[in-house]
Amino acid sequence: MQDTMIKTQVYLTESQMMALKEVAQKQGKHYAELFRTALADYLKKMKVTRKKKVDWAQVAREYAEPMGGISQKIDEELYQ
């Protein structure tokens, strides 16, 4: 699963931007891709990770199936 891209603005010095564009051109990539890669490497090094999104529908299915349907189980418990 790929994260959604969010447009942001980052201020770089003129020399940083020129160097970034030069490296991107040499590698045949867009400078934004190089920037994202460098940022991802930095965050990994700093051990900053984002928690994965929880698929709550899947969690509910996993709990419901062994119980024969969670709503059925709740009804049975309520009427006892």
PDB file of N, CA and C in Angstrom:
ATOM      1  N   MET A   1       0.845  -1.169   0.000  1.00  0.00           N
ATOM      2  CA  MET A   1       0.000   0.000   0.000  1.00  0.00           C
ATOM      3  C   MET A   1       0.896   1.239   0.000  1.00  0.00           C
ATOM      4  N   GLN A   2       0.592   2.175  -0.855  1.00  0.00           N
ATOM      5  CA  GLN A   2       1.410   3.369  -0.986  1.00  0.00           C
ATOM      6  C   GLN A   2       0.719   4.545  -0.315  1.00  0.00           C
ATOM      7  N   ASP A   3       1.518   5.359   0.353  1.00  0.00           N
ATOM      8  CA  ASP A   3       0.975   6.552   0.983  1.00  0.00           C
ATOM      9  C   ASP A   3       0.518   7.550  -0.061  1.00  0.00           C
ATOM     10  N   THR A   4      -0.489   8.331   0.297  1.00  0.00           N
ATOM     11  CA  THR A   4      -0.950   9.415  -0.552  1.00  0.00           C
ATOM     12  C   THR A   4       0.074  10.530  -0.528  1.00  0.00           C
ATOM     13  N   MET A   5       0.319  11.123  -1.685  1.00  0.00           N
ATOM     14  CA  MET A   5       1.266  12.231  -1.775  1.00  0.00           C
ATOM     15  C   MET A   5       0.579  13.517  -1.320  1.00  0.00           C
ATOM     16  N   ILE A   6       1.286  14.304  -0.546  1.00  0.00           N
ATOM     17  CA  ILE A   6       0.793  15.591  -0.075  1.00  0.00           C
ATOM     18  C   ILE A   6       1.782  16.651  -0.526  1.00  0.00           C
ATOM     19  N   LYS A   7       1.267  17.665  -1.201  1.00  0.00           N
ATOM     20  CA  LYS A   7       2.139  18.729  -1.674  1.00  0.00           C
ATOM     21  C   LYS A   7       2.550  19.592  -0.489  1.00  0.00           C
ATOM     22  N   THR A   8       3.834  19.911  -0.448  1.00  0.00           N
ATOM     23  CA  THR A   8       4.349  20.751   0.620  1.00  0.00           C
ATOM     24  C   THR A   8       5.380  21.705   0.043  1.00  0.00           C
ATOM     25  N   GLN A   9       5.761  22.662   0.829  1.00  0.00           N
ATOM     26  CA  GLN A   9       6.752  23.633   0.378  1.00  0.00           C
ATOM     27  C   GLN A   9       7.929  23.610   1.339  1.00  0.00           C
ATOM     28  N   VAL A  10       9.128  23.522   0.778  1.00  0.00           N
ATOM     29  CA  VAL A  10      10.348  23.490   1.573  1.00  0.00           C
ATOM     30  C   VAL A  10      11.281  24.557   1.024  1.00  0.00           C
ATOM     31  N   TYR A  11      11.848  25.339   1.904  1.00  0.00           N
ATOM     32  CA  TYR A  11      12.783  26.368   1.476  1.00  0.00           C
ATOM     33  C   TYR A  11      14.202  25.812   1.484  1.00  0.00           C
ATOM     34  N   LEU A  12      14.872  25.913   0.332  1.00  0.00           N
ATOM     35  CA  LEU A  12      16.258  25.492   0.188  1.00  0.00           C
ATOM     36  C   LEU A  12      17.074  26.705  -0.244  1.00  0.00           C
ATOM     37  N   THR A  13      18.349  26.650   0.049  1.00  0.00           N
ATOM     38  CA  THR A  13      19.213  27.709  -0.465  1.00  0.00           C
ATOM     39  C   THR A  13      19.361  27.502  -1.970  1.00  0.00           C
ATOM     40  N   GLU A  14      19.781  28.541  -2.649  1.00  0.00           N
ATOM     41  CA  GLU A  14      19.962  28.441  -4.094  1.00  0.00           C
ATOM     42  C   GLU A  14      20.990  27.365  -4.434  1.00  0.00           C
ATOM     43  N   SER A  15      22.061  27.309  -3.663  1.00  0.00           N
ATOM     44  CA  SER A  15      23.094  26.299  -3.942  1.00  0.00           C
ATOM     45  C   SER A  15      22.591  24.886  -3.667  1.00  0.00           C
ATOM     46  N   GLN A  16      21.756  24.701  -2.643  1.00  0.00           N
ATOM     47  CA  GLN A  16      21.185  23.378  -2.371  1.00  0.00           C
ATOM     48  C   GLN A  16      20.296  22.934  -3.534  1.00  0.00           C
ATOM     49  N   MET A  17      19.481  23.863  -4.017  1.00  0.00           N
ATOM     50  CA  MET A  17      18.559  23.526  -5.104  1.00  0.00           C
ATOM     51  C   MET A  17      19.327  23.206  -6.379  1.00  0.00           C
ATOM     52  N   MET A  18      20.358  23.986  -6.685  1.00  0.00           N
ATOM     53  CA  MET A  18      21.165  23.734  -7.882  1.00  0.00           C
ATOM     54  C   MET A  18      21.845  22.373  -7.795  1.00  0.00           C
ATOM     55  N   ALA A  19      22.389  22.055  -6.625  1.00  0.00           N
ATOM     56  CA  ALA A  19      23.066  20.771  -6.434  1.00  0.00           C
ATOM     57  C   ALA A  19      22.070  19.617  -6.552  1.00  0.00           C
ATOM     58  N   LEU A  20      20.898  19.782  -5.969  1.00  0.00           N
ATOM     59  CA  LEU A  20      19.866  18.748  -6.015  1.00  0.00           C
ATOM     60  C   LEU A  20      19.431  18.492  -7.458  1.00  0.00           C
ATOM     61  N   LYS A  21      19.212  19.560  -8.207  1.00  0.00           N
ATOM     62  CA  LYS A  21      18.817  19.408  -9.613  1.00  0.00           C
ATOM     63  C   LYS A  21      19.928  18.758 -10.436  1.00  0.00           C
ATOM     64  N   GLU A  22      21.179  19.085 -10.130  1.00  0.00           N
ATOM     65  CA  GLU A  22      22.310  18.500 -10.856  1.00  0.00           C
ATOM     66  C   GLU A  22      22.386  16.991 -10.624  1.00  0.00           C
ATOM     67  N   VAL A  23      22.241  16.581  -9.370  1.00  0.00           N
ATOM     68  CA  VAL A  23      22.270  15.145  -9.047  1.00  0.00           C
ATOM     69  C   VAL A  23      21.081  14.438  -9.700  1.00  0.00           C
ATOM     70  N   ALA A  24      19.924  15.068  -9.649  1.00  0.00           N
ATOM     71  CA  ALA A  24      18.729  14.473 -10.256  1.00  0.00           C
ATOM     72  C   ALA A  24      18.925  14.277 -11.758  1.00  0.00           C
ATOM     73  N   GLN A  25      19.491  15.275 -12.410  1.00  0.00           N
ATOM     74  CA  GLN A  25      19.722  15.174 -13.851  1.00  0.00           C
ATOM     75  C   GLN A  25      20.701  14.038 -14.160  1.00  0.00           C
ATOM     76  N   LYS A  26      21.754  13.919 -13.377  1.00  0.00           N
ATOM     77  CA  LYS A  26      22.743  12.860 -13.587  1.00  0.00           C
ATOM     78  C   LYS A  26      22.133  11.478 -13.403  1.00  0.00           C
ATOM     79  N   GLN A  27      21.196  11.362 -12.465  1.00  0.00           N
ATOM     80  CA  GLN A  27      20.568  10.069 -12.184  1.00  0.00           C
ATOM     81  C   GLN A  27      19.324   9.820 -13.035  1.00  0.00           C
ATOM     82  N   GLY A  28      18.906  10.829 -13.785  1.00  0.00           N
ATOM     83  CA  GLY A  28      17.715  10.680 -14.621  1.00  0.00           C
ATOM     84  C   GLY A  28      16.436  10.603 -13.812  1.00  0.00           C
ATOM     85  N   LYS A  29      16.425  11.302 -12.698  1.00  0.00           N
ATOM     86  CA  LYS A  29      15.252  11.313 -11.815  1.00  0.00           C
ATOM     87  C   LYS A  29      14.816  12.750 -11.581  1.00  0.00           C
ATOM     88  N   HIS A  30      13.627  12.909 -11.057  1.00  0.00           N
ATOM     89  CA  HIS A  30      13.144  14.231 -10.687  1.00  0.00           C
ATOM     90  C   HIS A  30      13.696  14.561  -9.302  1.00  0.00           C
ATOM     91  N   TYR A  31      14.017  15.823  -9.088  1.00  0.00           N
ATOM     92  CA  TYR A  31      14.622  16.183  -7.798  1.00  0.00           C
ATOM     93  C   TYR A  31      13.699  15.917  -6.613  1.00  0.00           C
ATOM     94  N   ALA A  32      12.391  15.950  -6.833  1.00  0.00           N
ATOM     95  CA  ALA A  32      11.454  15.654  -5.739  1.00  0.00           C
ATOM     96  C   ALA A  32      11.612  14.206  -5.268  1.00  0.00           C
ATOM     97  N   GLU A  33      11.867  13.306  -6.213  1.00  0.00           N
ATOM     98  CA  GLU A  33      12.077  11.897  -5.854  1.00  0.00           C
ATOM     99  C   GLU A  33      13.332  11.741  -5.005  1.00  0.00           C
ATOM    100  N   LEU A  34      14.392  12.448  -5.385  1.00  0.00           N
ATOM    101  CA  LEU A  34      15.626  12.394  -4.593  1.00  0.00           C
ATOM    102  C   LEU A  34      15.395  12.952  -3.194  1.00  0.00           C
ATOM    103  N   PHE A  35      14.638  14.026  -3.116  1.00  0.00           N
ATOM    104  CA  PHE A  35      14.348  14.646  -1.827  1.00  0.00           C
ATOM    105  C   PHE A  35      13.562  13.687  -0.937  1.00  0.00           C
ATOM    106  N   ARG A  36      12.535  13.040  -1.506  1.00  0.00           N
ATOM    107  CA  ARG A  36      11.730  12.080  -0.726  1.00  0.00           C
ATOM    108  C   ARG A  36      12.581  10.909  -0.252  1.00  0.00           C
ATOM    109  N   THR A  37      13.458  10.407  -1.127  1.00  0.00           N
ATOM    110  CA  THR A  37      14.338   9.289  -0.761  1.00  0.00           C
ATOM    111  C   THR A  37      15.271   9.688   0.372  1.00  0.00           C
ATOM    112  N   ALA A  38      15.876  10.871   0.253  1.00  0.00           N
ATOM    113  CA  ALA A  38      16.787  11.345   1.300  1.00  0.00           C
ATOM    114  C   ALA A  38      16.049  11.528   2.623  1.00  0.00           C
ATOM    115  N   LEU A  39      14.838  12.066   2.561  1.00  0.00           N
ATOM    116  CA  LEU A  39      14.044  12.264   3.781  1.00  0.00           C
ATOM    117  C   LEU A  39      13.664  10.921   4.405  1.00  0.00           C
ATOM    118  N   ALA A  40      13.276   9.965   3.581  1.00  0.00           N
ATOM    119  CA  ALA A  40      12.917   8.629   4.087  1.00  0.00           C
ATOM    120  C   ALA A  40      14.119   7.978   4.771  1.00  0.00           C
ATOM    121  N   ASP A  41      15.292   8.107   4.157  1.00  0.00           N
ATOM    122  CA  ASP A  41      16.515   7.544   4.755  1.00  0.00           C
ATOM    123  C   ASP A  41      16.818   8.214   6.093  1.00  0.00           C
ATOM    124  N   TYR A  42      16.659   9.525   6.154  1.00  0.00           N
ATOM    125  CA  TYR A  42      16.908  10.266   7.392  1.00  0.00           C
ATOM    126  C   TYR A  42      15.932   9.835   8.490  1.00  0.00           C
ATOM    127  N   LEU A  43      14.658   9.735   8.146  1.00  0.00           N
ATOM    128  CA  LEU A  43      13.661   9.331   9.141  1.00  0.00           C
ATOM    129  C   LEU A  43      13.906   7.907   9.628  1.00  0.00           C
ATOM    130  N   LYS A  44      14.327   7.046   8.722  1.00  0.00           N
ATOM    131  CA  LYS A  44      14.658   5.666   9.103  1.00  0.00           C
ATOM    132  C   LYS A  44      15.827   5.665  10.083  1.00  0.00           C
ATOM    133  N   LYS A  45      16.838   6.468   9.775  1.00  0.00           N
ATOM    134  CA  LYS A  45      18.012   6.578  10.642  1.00  0.00           C
ATOM    135  C   LYS A  45      17.620   7.104  12.023  1.00  0.00           C
ATOM    136  N   MET A  46      16.690   8.030  12.051  1.00  0.00           N
ATOM    137  CA  MET A  46      16.230   8.615  13.314  1.00  0.00           C
ATOM    138  C   MET A  46      15.162   7.746  13.983  1.00  0.00           C
ATOM    139  N   LYS A  47      14.846   6.613  13.325  1.00  0.00           N
ATOM    140  CA  LYS A  47      13.848   5.662  13.838  1.00  0.00           C
ATOM    141  C   LYS A  47      12.475   6.296  14.027  1.00  0.00           C
ATOM    142  N   VAL A  48      12.096   7.120  13.079  1.00  0.00           N
ATOM    143  CA  VAL A  48      10.777   7.738  13.087  1.00  0.00           C
ATOM    144  C   VAL A  48       9.934   6.966  12.082  1.00  0.00           C
ATOM    145  N   THR A  49       8.916   6.306  12.568  1.00  0.00           N
ATOM    146  CA  THR A  49       8.041   5.549  11.682  1.00  0.00           C
ATOM    147  C   THR A  49       6.599   5.920  11.960  1.00  0.00           C
ATOM    148  N   ARG A  50       5.813   5.760  10.946  1.00  0.00           N
ATOM    149  CA  ARG A  50       4.391   6.050  11.072  1.00  0.00           C
ATOM    150  C   ARG A  50       3.659   4.731  11.245  1.00  0.00           C
ATOM    151  N   LYS A  51       2.720   4.710  12.159  1.00  0.00           N
ATOM    152  CA  LYS A  51       1.947   3.492  12.355  1.00  0.00           C
ATOM    153  C   LYS A  51       1.095   3.230  11.123  1.00  0.00           C
ATOM    154  N   LYS A  52       0.962   1.960  10.798  1.00  0.00           N
ATOM    155  CA  LYS A  52       0.131   1.588   9.663  1.00  0.00           C
ATOM    156  C   LYS A  52      -1.333   1.792  10.021  1.00  0.00           C
ATOM    157  N   LYS A  53      -2.109   2.119   9.006  1.00  0.00           N
ATOM    158  CA  LYS A  53      -3.549   2.282   9.207  1.00  0.00           C
ATOM    159  C   LYS A  53      -4.164   0.933   9.531  1.00  0.00           C
ATOM    160  N   VAL A  54      -5.116   0.940  10.433  1.00  0.00           N
ATOM    161  CA  VAL A  54      -5.793  -0.291  10.827  1.00  0.00           C
ATOM    162  C   VAL A  54      -7.040  -0.457   9.974  1.00  0.00           C
ATOM    163  N   ASP A  55      -7.195  -1.611   9.374  1.00  0.00           N
ATOM    164  CA  ASP A  55      -8.391  -1.935   8.609  1.00  0.00           C
ATOM    165  C   ASP A  55      -9.403  -2.511   9.604  1.00  0.00           C
ATOM    166  N   TRP A  56     -10.217  -1.627  10.163  1.00  0.00           N
ATOM    167  CA  TRP A  56     -11.140  -2.036  11.223  1.00  0.00           C
ATOM    168  C   TRP A  56     -12.182  -3.036  10.725  1.00  0.00           C
ATOM    169  N   ALA A  57     -12.558  -2.946   9.460  1.00  0.00           N
ATOM    170  CA  ALA A  57     -13.508  -3.916   8.909  1.00  0.00           C
ATOM    171  C   ALA A  57     -12.902  -5.320   8.941  1.00  0.00           C
ATOM    172  N   GLN A  58     -11.618  -5.412   8.597  1.00  0.00           N
ATOM    173  CA  GLN A  58     -10.934  -6.714   8.637  1.00  0.00           C
ATOM    174  C   GLN A  58     -10.818  -7.222  10.069  1.00  0.00           C
ATOM    175  N   VAL A  59     -10.521  -6.344  11.001  1.00  0.00           N
ATOM    176  CA  VAL A  59     -10.427  -6.733  12.408  1.00  0.00           C
ATOM    177  C   VAL A  59     -11.771  -7.292  12.878  1.00  0.00           C
ATOM    178  N   ALA A  60     -12.850  -6.607  12.524  1.00  0.00           N
ATOM    179  CA  ALA A  60     -14.187  -7.066  12.919  1.00  0.00           C
ATOM    180  C   ALA A  60     -14.487  -8.432  12.326  1.00  0.00           C
ATOM    181  N   ARG A  61     -14.121  -8.634  11.045  1.00  0.00           N
ATOM    182  CA  ARG A  61     -14.354  -9.946  10.416  1.00  0.00           C
ATOM    183  C   ARG A  61     -13.577 -11.040  11.127  1.00  0.00           C
ATOM    184  N   GLU A  62     -12.344 -10.744  11.502  1.00  0.00           N
ATOM    185  CA  GLU A  62     -11.514 -11.748  12.165  1.00  0.00           C
ATOM    186  C   GLU A  62     -12.095 -12.143  13.520  1.00  0.00           C
ATOM    187  N   TYR A  63     -12.688 -11.193  14.227  1.00  0.00           N
ATOM    188  CA  TYR A  63     -13.294 -11.519  15.513  1.00  0.00           C
ATOM    189  C   TYR A  63     -14.659 -12.165  15.354  1.00  0.00           C
ATOM    190  N   ALA A  64     -15.384 -11.790  14.324  1.00  0.00           N
ATOM    191  CA  ALA A  64     -16.746 -12.283  14.145  1.00  0.00           C
ATOM    192  C   ALA A  64     -16.777 -13.734  13.674  1.00  0.00           C
ATOM    193  N   GLU A  65     -15.905 -14.105  12.778  1.00  0.00           N
ATOM    194  CA  GLU A  65     -15.953 -15.435  12.187  1.00  0.00           C
ATOM    195  C   GLU A  65     -15.797 -16.561  13.205  1.00  0.00           C
ATOM    196  N   PRO A  66     -14.820 -16.517  14.121  1.00  0.00           N
ATOM    197  CA  PRO A  66     -14.709 -17.621  15.074  1.00  0.00           C
ATOM    198  C   PRO A  66     -15.895 -17.717  16.024  1.00  0.00           C
ATOM    199  N   MET A  67     -16.612 -16.615  16.217  1.00  0.00           N
ATOM    200  CA  MET A  67     -17.742 -16.612  17.137  1.00  0.00           C
ATOM    201  C   MET A  67     -19.049 -16.917  16.428  1.00  0.00           C
ATOM    202  N   GLY A  68     -18.983 -17.198  15.147  1.00  0.00           N
ATOM    203  CA  GLY A  68     -20.207 -17.497  14.411  1.00  0.00           C
ATOM    204  C   GLY A  68     -21.010 -16.239  14.137  1.00  0.00           C
ATOM    205  N   GLY A  69     -20.375 -15.139  14.064  1.00  0.00           N
ATOM    206  CA  GLY A  69     -21.072 -13.868  13.829  1.00  0.00           C
ATOM    207  C   GLY A  69     -21.149 -13.098  15.122  1.00  0.00           C
ATOM    208  N   ILE A  70     -20.462 -11.991  15.194  1.00  0.00           N
ATOM    209  CA  ILE A  70     -20.382 -11.266  16.466  1.00  0.00           C
ATOM    210  C   ILE A  70     -21.747 -10.755  16.925  1.00  0.00           C
ATOM    211  N   SER A  71     -22.592 -10.314  15.988  1.00  0.00           N
ATOM    212  CA  SER A  71     -23.904  -9.817  16.407  1.00  0.00           C
ATOM    213  C   SER A  71     -24.756 -10.945  16.969  1.00  0.00           C
ATOM    214  N   GLN A  72     -24.612 -12.142  16.399  1.00  0.00           N
ATOM    215  CA  GLN A  72     -25.339 -13.308  16.919  1.00  0.00           C
ATOM    216  C   GLN A  72     -24.881 -13.619  18.339  1.00  0.00           C
ATOM    217  N   LYS A  73     -23.585 -13.578  18.572  1.00  0.00           N
ATOM    218  CA  LYS A  73     -23.029 -13.853  19.890  1.00  0.00           C
ATOM    219  C   LYS A  73     -23.521 -12.823  20.911  1.00  0.00           C
ATOM    220  N   ILE A  74     -23.550 -11.554  20.513  1.00  0.00           N
ATOM    221  CA  ILE A  74     -24.030 -10.492  21.418  1.00  0.00           C
ATOM    222  C   ILE A  74     -25.492 -10.740  21.766  1.00  0.00           C
ATOM    223  N   ASP A  75     -26.316 -11.055  20.756  1.00  0.00           N
ATOM    224  CA  ASP A  75     -27.726 -11.352  21.027  1.00  0.00           C
ATOM    225  C   ASP A  75     -27.887 -12.498  21.993  1.00  0.00           C
ATOM    226  N   GLU A  76     -27.098 -13.557  21.803  1.00  0.00           N
ATOM    227  CA  GLU A  76     -27.185 -14.710  22.688  1.00  0.00           C
ATOM    228  C   GLU A  76     -26.828 -14.333  24.125  1.00  0.00           C
ATOM    229  N   GLU A  77     -25.786 -13.535  24.283  1.00  0.00           N
ATOM    230  CA  GLU A  77     -25.358 -13.107  25.609  1.00  0.00           C
ATOM    231  C   GLU A  77     -26.402 -12.218  26.257  1.00  0.00           C
ATOM    232  N   LEU A  78     -27.034 -11.334  25.507  1.00  0.00           N
ATOM    233  CA  LEU A  78     -28.040 -10.424  26.055  1.00  0.00           C
ATOM    234  C   LEU A  78     -29.284 -11.146  26.517  1.00  0.00           C
ATOM    235  N   TYR A  79     -29.659 -12.205  25.825  1.00  0.00           N
ATOM    236  CA  TYR A  79     -30.900 -12.903  26.150  1.00  0.00           C
ATOM    237  C   TYR A  79     -30.736 -13.988  27.181  1.00  0.00           C
ATOM    238  N   GLN A  80     -29.518 -14.215  27.664  1.00  0.00           N
ATOM    239  CA  GLN A  80     -29.315 -15.251  28.695  1.00  0.00           C
ATOM    240  C   GLN A  80     -29.571 -14.719  30.069  1.00  0.00           C
TER     241      GLN A  80
END
